Amino acid sequence: MYLGLPLNAVENKRRIDVIIKKLISKYKRNYAGVLVIFDFDELLVEGHLSSTITELFGKTEERNRIISQHGDSTFDGMKEMNLILKGYSYGELIEKKREIVRKMPWREGAEDLLKKLYEAPGYELLILSCGRYIPQHLKLMDLGLSDVLVAGEMEFVDGKAEQNKHIVTDEMKGYIVRRLKNSRIFREIYVAAHGDGDVPMLKGAFGVVLNPSENAKEAAQREIKHLDEMYEIIGLRKE
């Protein structure tokens, strides 16, 4: 429990380090040789779950104000952005987020690719997202995928959203990738992403981009037109 501890950048990094240590411990036990990391919004699904959530709760104006002041995925911006939903009960958030999850389609090829990776011997699947944990977790659980997501989380007190538990910024995603690469557990790490904010993690491993921004394209080793092309890149049989 982090109740009473205001989240600052130093404390956030400490909490992320704890998550990384747990990931490394799990990966060491599993003896996998290849790690495949994905961004989530607009890569695996065809929309942006977090922005859709703020619209559903009528918080679009507040979201736009925060982005104009702090940027889209800075620590201060995301810290304030997450608190937009402060005070809502866990049940309210789950109900609304399930509604969004049902309507948000997977990108073509994503479901089969994720399930095959999750089940394939010698492979580990990880999803790093600046978005909110609950809706993305719900979407992944529809495929039977658990324990593969690192995203921003809220602390709930007396059943209501109270404060940030930890925040995953673009720079933090890059930090996580570098830490995992430096662990030397894997013979290869692949990162699939698409946007400017993904550049730090694309630079940390073998970067693959789909519908990329110009900066993301420059940071990557490969560009693909369809998620099915990932099978050949990572050496996984599709059938």
Protein backbone atom coordinates (compact mmCIF):
# COMPACT_ATOMS: atom_id res chain seq x y z
CA MET A 1 0.00 0.00 0.00
CA TYR A 2 1.30 3.43 -0.96
CA LEU A 3 -1.38 5.42 0.84
CA GLY A 4 -0.01 8.73 2.11
CA LEU A 5 3.10 8.68 -0.05
CA PRO A 6 2.91 11.34 -2.77
CA LEU A 7 4.22 10.01 -6.04
CA ASN A 8 7.24 11.88 -7.36
CA ALA A 9 9.63 10.91 -10.16
CA VAL A 10 12.17 9.35 -7.80
CA GLU A 11 9.58 7.21 -6.02
CA ASN A 12 8.01 6.28 -9.35
CA LYS A 13 11.34 5.00 -10.67
CA ARG A 14 11.83 2.96 -7.50
CA ARG A 15 8.45 1.32 -8.01
CA ILE A 16 9.21 0.63 -11.66
CA ASP A 17 12.52 -0.93 -10.61
CA VAL A 18 10.57 -3.32 -8.38
CA ILE A 19 8.43 -4.32 -11.38
CA ILE A 20 11.55 -4.85 -13.50
CA LYS A 21 13.13 -7.09 -10.87
CA LYS A 22 9.98 -9.22 -10.79
CA LEU A 23 10.02 -9.49 -14.59
CA ILE A 24 13.68 -10.51 -14.61
CA SER A 25 13.07 -13.12 -11.92
CA LYS A 26 10.17 -14.59 -13.91
CA TYR A 27 12.11 -14.63 -17.16
CA LYS A 28 15.09 -16.35 -15.56
CA ARG A 29 12.83 -19.14 -14.31
CA ASN A 30 11.27 -19.66 -17.74
CA TYR A 31 14.53 -19.94 -19.73
CA ALA A 32 13.09 -18.18 -22.78
CA GLY A 33 15.48 -16.99 -25.46
CA VAL A 34 13.38 -14.34 -27.18
CA LEU A 35 11.40 -11.46 -25.70
CA VAL A 36 8.84 -9.66 -27.87
CA ILE A 37 7.58 -6.31 -26.58
CA PHE A 38 4.59 -4.40 -27.95
CA ASP A 39 3.12 -0.99 -27.44
CA PHE A 40 -0.66 -1.23 -27.02
CA ASP A 41 -2.81 1.69 -28.16
CA GLU A 42 -3.13 2.13 -31.94
CA LEU A 43 -0.81 -0.83 -32.51
CA LEU A 44 -2.57 -3.89 -31.09
CA VAL A 45 -5.97 -2.19 -31.04
CA GLU A 46 -7.27 0.24 -33.61
CA GLY A 47 -7.88 3.11 -31.23
CA HIS A 48 -6.62 4.75 -28.08
CA LEU A 49 -8.26 3.29 -24.99
CA SER A 50 -7.09 5.98 -22.56
CA SER A 51 -8.37 8.94 -24.60
CA THR A 52 -11.63 7.09 -25.21
CA ILE A 53 -12.05 6.67 -21.45
CA THR A 54 -11.69 10.39 -20.75
CA GLU A 55 -14.31 11.08 -23.43
CA LEU A 56 -16.72 8.57 -21.88
CA PHE A 57 -16.36 10.22 -18.47
CA GLY A 58 -16.80 13.70 -19.98
CA LYS A 59 -13.22 14.72 -19.20
CA THR A 60 -12.00 15.60 -22.71
CA GLU A 61 -11.57 19.30 -21.91
CA GLU A 62 -9.46 18.51 -18.85
CA ARG A 63 -7.37 16.04 -20.85
CA ASN A 64 -6.70 18.62 -23.57
CA ARG A 65 -5.70 21.21 -20.97
CA ILE A 66 -3.21 18.81 -19.37
CA ILE A 67 -1.69 17.88 -22.73
CA SER A 68 -1.27 21.55 -23.66
CA GLN A 69 0.47 22.27 -20.35
CA HIS A 70 2.62 19.17 -19.88
CA GLY A 71 2.64 17.17 -23.11
CA ASP A 72 1.04 13.81 -23.77
CA SER A 73 3.23 11.41 -21.78
CA THR A 74 5.53 13.33 -19.46
CA PHE A 75 5.60 12.33 -15.80
CA ASP A 76 3.83 15.49 -14.62
CA GLY A 77 1.26 15.28 -17.41
CA MET A 78 0.42 11.65 -16.81
CA LYS A 79 0.35 12.14 -13.05
CA GLU A 80 -2.32 14.81 -13.47
CA MET A 81 -4.09 12.95 -16.29
CA ASN A 82 -4.60 9.83 -14.20
CA LEU A 83 -6.10 11.87 -11.37
CA ILE A 84 -8.93 12.95 -13.69
CA LEU A 85 -10.70 9.79 -12.55
CA LYS A 86 -9.96 10.28 -8.85
CA GLY A 87 -12.98 9.54 -6.67
CA TYR A 88 -14.68 7.10 -9.00
CA SER A 89 -15.34 3.71 -7.48
CA TYR A 90 -13.60 0.60 -8.73
CA GLY A 91 -16.98 -0.77 -9.84
CA GLU A 92 -17.80 2.38 -11.83
CA LEU A 93 -14.44 2.30 -13.59
CA ILE A 94 -14.68 -1.40 -14.39
CA GLU A 95 -18.19 -1.03 -15.80
CA LYS A 96 -17.29 1.92 -18.04
CA LYS A 97 -14.01 0.40 -19.13
CA ARG A 98 -15.63 -2.90 -20.03
CA GLU A 99 -17.97 -0.94 -22.27
CA ILE A 100 -15.02 0.64 -24.06
CA VAL A 101 -13.10 -2.62 -24.30
CA ARG A 102 -16.04 -4.37 -25.98
CA LYS A 103 -16.24 -1.67 -28.64
CA MET A 104 -12.50 -1.33 -29.33
CA PRO A 105 -11.47 -3.78 -32.07
CA TRP A 106 -8.17 -5.61 -32.18
CA ARG A 107 -5.97 -4.74 -35.12
CA GLU A 108 -6.09 -7.45 -37.78
CA GLY A 109 -3.71 -10.26 -36.86
CA ALA A 110 -3.16 -9.11 -33.28
CA GLU A 111 -5.26 -11.75 -31.50
CA ASP A 112 -3.61 -14.75 -33.15
CA LEU A 113 -0.13 -13.28 -32.85
CA LEU A 114 -0.46 -12.52 -29.15
CA LYS A 115 -1.95 -15.93 -28.31
CA LYS A 116 0.72 -17.81 -30.26
CA LEU A 117 3.50 -15.80 -28.63
CA TYR A 118 2.01 -16.35 -25.19
CA GLU A 119 1.94 -20.11 -25.70
CA ALA A 120 5.16 -20.59 -27.71
CA PRO A 121 8.06 -22.32 -25.93
CA GLY A 122 11.18 -20.16 -25.83
CA TYR A 123 9.31 -16.87 -26.17
CA GLU A 124 8.18 -14.26 -23.67
CA LEU A 125 5.52 -11.63 -24.39
CA LEU A 126 5.51 -8.18 -22.76
CA ILE A 127 3.28 -5.18 -23.40
CA LEU A 128 4.54 -1.77 -22.27
CA SER A 129 2.00 1.03 -22.27
CA CYS A 130 1.68 4.61 -21.09
CA GLY A 131 -2.05 3.96 -20.84
CA ARG A 132 -4.20 2.77 -17.95
CA TYR A 133 -3.79 -0.77 -16.69
CA ILE A 134 -7.42 -1.78 -16.11
CA PRO A 135 -8.89 -1.43 -19.65
CA GLN A 136 -5.85 -2.94 -21.32
CA HIS A 137 -5.78 -5.78 -18.80
CA LEU A 138 -9.47 -6.47 -19.48
CA LYS A 139 -8.83 -6.53 -23.22
CA LEU A 140 -5.92 -8.96 -22.83
CA MET A 141 -7.88 -11.19 -20.46
CA ASP A 142 -10.46 -11.66 -23.23
CA LEU A 143 -7.68 -13.60 -24.98
CA GLY A 144 -6.67 -15.45 -21.83
CA LEU A 145 -3.45 -13.45 -21.48
CA SER A 146 -2.34 -12.61 -17.95
CA ASP A 147 0.83 -11.22 -16.38
CA VAL A 148 2.12 -9.68 -19.63
CA LEU A 149 1.22 -5.99 -19.16
CA VAL A 150 3.10 -3.11 -17.56
CA ALA A 151 1.03 0.09 -17.58
CA GLY A 152 0.08 2.94 -15.27
CA GLU A 153 -1.96 1.96 -12.21
CA MET A 154 -4.04 3.77 -9.63
CA GLU A 155 -4.21 3.22 -5.88
CA PHE A 156 -7.75 2.50 -4.62
CA VAL A 157 -8.69 3.56 -1.10
CA ASP A 158 -12.03 2.46 0.35
CA GLY A 159 -12.95 1.24 -3.11
CA LYS A 160 -12.31 4.58 -4.86
CA ALA A 161 -9.49 5.79 -7.12
CA GLU A 162 -7.26 7.95 -4.92
CA GLN A 163 -3.76 8.45 -6.30
CA ASN A 164 -1.15 7.15 -8.72
CA LYS A 165 0.44 3.82 -7.82
CA HIS A 166 3.00 4.08 -10.60
CA ILE A 167 3.29 5.82 -13.96
CA VAL A 168 4.78 4.51 -17.20
CA THR A 169 6.04 7.35 -19.40
CA ASP A 170 7.64 7.04 -22.84
CA GLU A 171 11.08 7.48 -21.29
CA MET A 172 10.24 4.86 -18.67
CA LYS A 173 9.32 2.37 -21.39
CA GLY A 174 12.76 2.91 -22.88
CA TYR A 175 14.34 2.47 -19.45
CA ILE A 176 12.52 -0.85 -18.93
CA VAL A 177 13.69 -2.15 -22.32
CA ARG A 178 17.31 -1.18 -21.60
CA ARG A 179 17.22 -2.82 -18.17
CA LEU A 180 15.85 -6.04 -19.66
CA LYS A 181 18.45 -5.99 -22.42
CA ASN A 182 21.26 -5.42 -19.92
CA SER A 183 20.04 -8.40 -17.90
CA ARG A 184 21.41 -10.58 -20.73
CA ILE A 185 18.64 -13.13 -20.23
CA PHE A 186 17.56 -13.11 -23.86
CA ARG A 187 19.52 -13.72 -27.03
CA GLU A 188 17.18 -11.29 -28.80
CA ILE A 189 14.65 -8.62 -27.82
CA TYR A 190 12.19 -7.20 -30.33
CA VAL A 191 10.08 -4.08 -29.85
CA ALA A 192 7.01 -3.35 -32.00
CA ALA A 193 5.61 0.17 -31.87
CA HIS A 194 4.58 3.09 -34.07
CA GLY A 195 4.72 6.62 -32.64
CA ASP A 196 7.12 9.39 -31.66
CA GLY A 197 6.73 8.49 -28.00
CA ASP A 198 7.93 4.95 -28.72
CA VAL A 199 11.36 6.06 -29.91
CA PRO A 200 13.11 5.44 -26.53
CA MET A 201 12.06 1.78 -26.44
CA LEU A 202 12.59 1.25 -30.18
CA LYS A 203 16.20 2.35 -29.73
CA GLY A 204 16.68 -0.13 -26.88
CA ALA A 205 16.25 -3.30 -28.95
CA PHE A 206 15.48 -4.55 -32.48
CA GLY A 207 12.77 -2.07 -33.40
CA VAL A 208 9.84 -2.89 -35.68
CA VAL A 209 7.26 -0.27 -36.67
CA LEU A 210 3.76 -0.41 -38.15
CA ASN A 211 2.17 2.72 -39.64
CA PRO A 212 5.01 4.71 -38.05
CA SER A 213 5.65 8.36 -37.48
CA GLU A 214 8.79 9.61 -39.19
CA ASN A 215 10.80 9.63 -35.95
CA ALA A 216 9.71 6.09 -35.07
CA LYS A 217 10.62 4.89 -38.55
CA GLU A 218 14.12 6.34 -38.22
CA ALA A 219 14.60 4.64 -34.83
CA ALA A 220 13.56 1.17 -36.05
CA GLN A 221 15.32 -1.58 -37.98
CA ARG A 222 12.24 -2.81 -39.84
CA GLU A 223 8.93 -1.41 -41.05
CA ILE A 224 5.95 -3.70 -41.57
CA LYS A 225 2.57 -3.26 -43.22
CA HIS A 226 0.73 -5.98 -41.28
CA LEU A 227 1.23 -7.65 -37.89
CA ASP A 228 1.53 -11.04 -39.62
CA GLU A 229 4.99 -9.96 -40.78
CA MET A 230 6.14 -10.25 -37.15
CA TYR A 231 6.16 -14.05 -37.41
CA GLU A 232 9.05 -14.06 -39.87
CA ILE A 233 10.97 -11.37 -38.00
CA ILE A 234 10.88 -13.16 -34.63
CA GLY A 235 11.20 -16.66 -36.11
CA LEU A 236 7.80 -17.97 -34.97
CA ARG A 237 5.70 -20.31 -37.09
CA LYS A 238 2.31 -18.87 -37.92
CA GLU A 239 0.58 -22.21 -38.45
